[in-house]
Amino acid sequence: MNTPEIINTAESNNSVGAEKEATQIKDSITEKKDGLSIYDVAHDLKGLIGRISGLNSLLRVKLVNDTNSEVTEYSNMINSVCEQGNQMISDFIFKDSLNHKKDYQQTRSLVLLNDLIQCQSRIHQLLAHKKEIELIMIIPEENIYCFVNTEDIKRVIDNLLSNAVKFTSREGNIRVELHVFIESVVMEISDSGIGIPMELQKELFFSYTKAKRLGTENEYSTGLGLTIAKKIIEMNDGTISLNSSENIGTTVSVEFKRIV
């Protein structure tokens, strides 16, 4: 599989724009409120989690020859919680940064969408294989272009595929399809997973809602993934919708304008 083709329409302008955008985001995040900023708090929390993780690593060294499986299990749980904490902080900072991005159009470029979807899907095929889940790709061979921010759309695809794997039981299946129309393209990611109760579906795209759940094998979720995905998609002039039935599965559809 080839690396996704990215065509920069204004390479030098994009470079300058990206640098300017990074400065603006940093300035916004570091604005002081009551003497603190989101960045300050996040940095301190990550440092604290790092120290806990470091101490736990020393403990794990001491436990190499220890036959007390219960203590080892506790150590593994500490490590897992530290990873979850770091992921939540990273998602929170990224979500906040989206609210402060300026000149976002300058970060977008012409992207070969079918290659991008295939590359990200192949990464998740390996993760799906660990749960004995079949991941099927139905992607047209013709070149399908969209004008989007490549890295942000990668994040969206990764999040949607991660959710599909997370909430699908062993021996289930996931389908990744790209439907092409005259003026638009629709990416659909469907799974045969546990589905989402109707009363939770209306809250899915809000931050920190009751819709946050563990996966079929207790995989952790920060509860911010779909909120971030929706924001990114809308910033790229796209739309996202979801259709789900309990114990049947979920289909997420993402539509972008097609560039021909």
Foldseek 3Di string as FASTA:
>chain_A
DDDWDWDAPCVVLLVVLVVVQVVQLVVVQQPDDPRGGLVRVLVVQLVVLVVQLVVLVVVVVVCPVPPPVVVVVVSVVSNVVSVVSNVLSVLVSVVSSLVRGDPQLSQWTKIQVLSLLVVLVVVCCVVLVVQQEAEEEAEDPDGWIFTARSVLVSLLSNLVSVVQSQFAHRNWYWYWYWADDDWKIKTKIKIQGQWFDPVCQVVLLPAPDPSADGGPVRHHDSSHNNVSSQSRLVVRVKHKDKDIDGSGIIMIMIMGTIDD
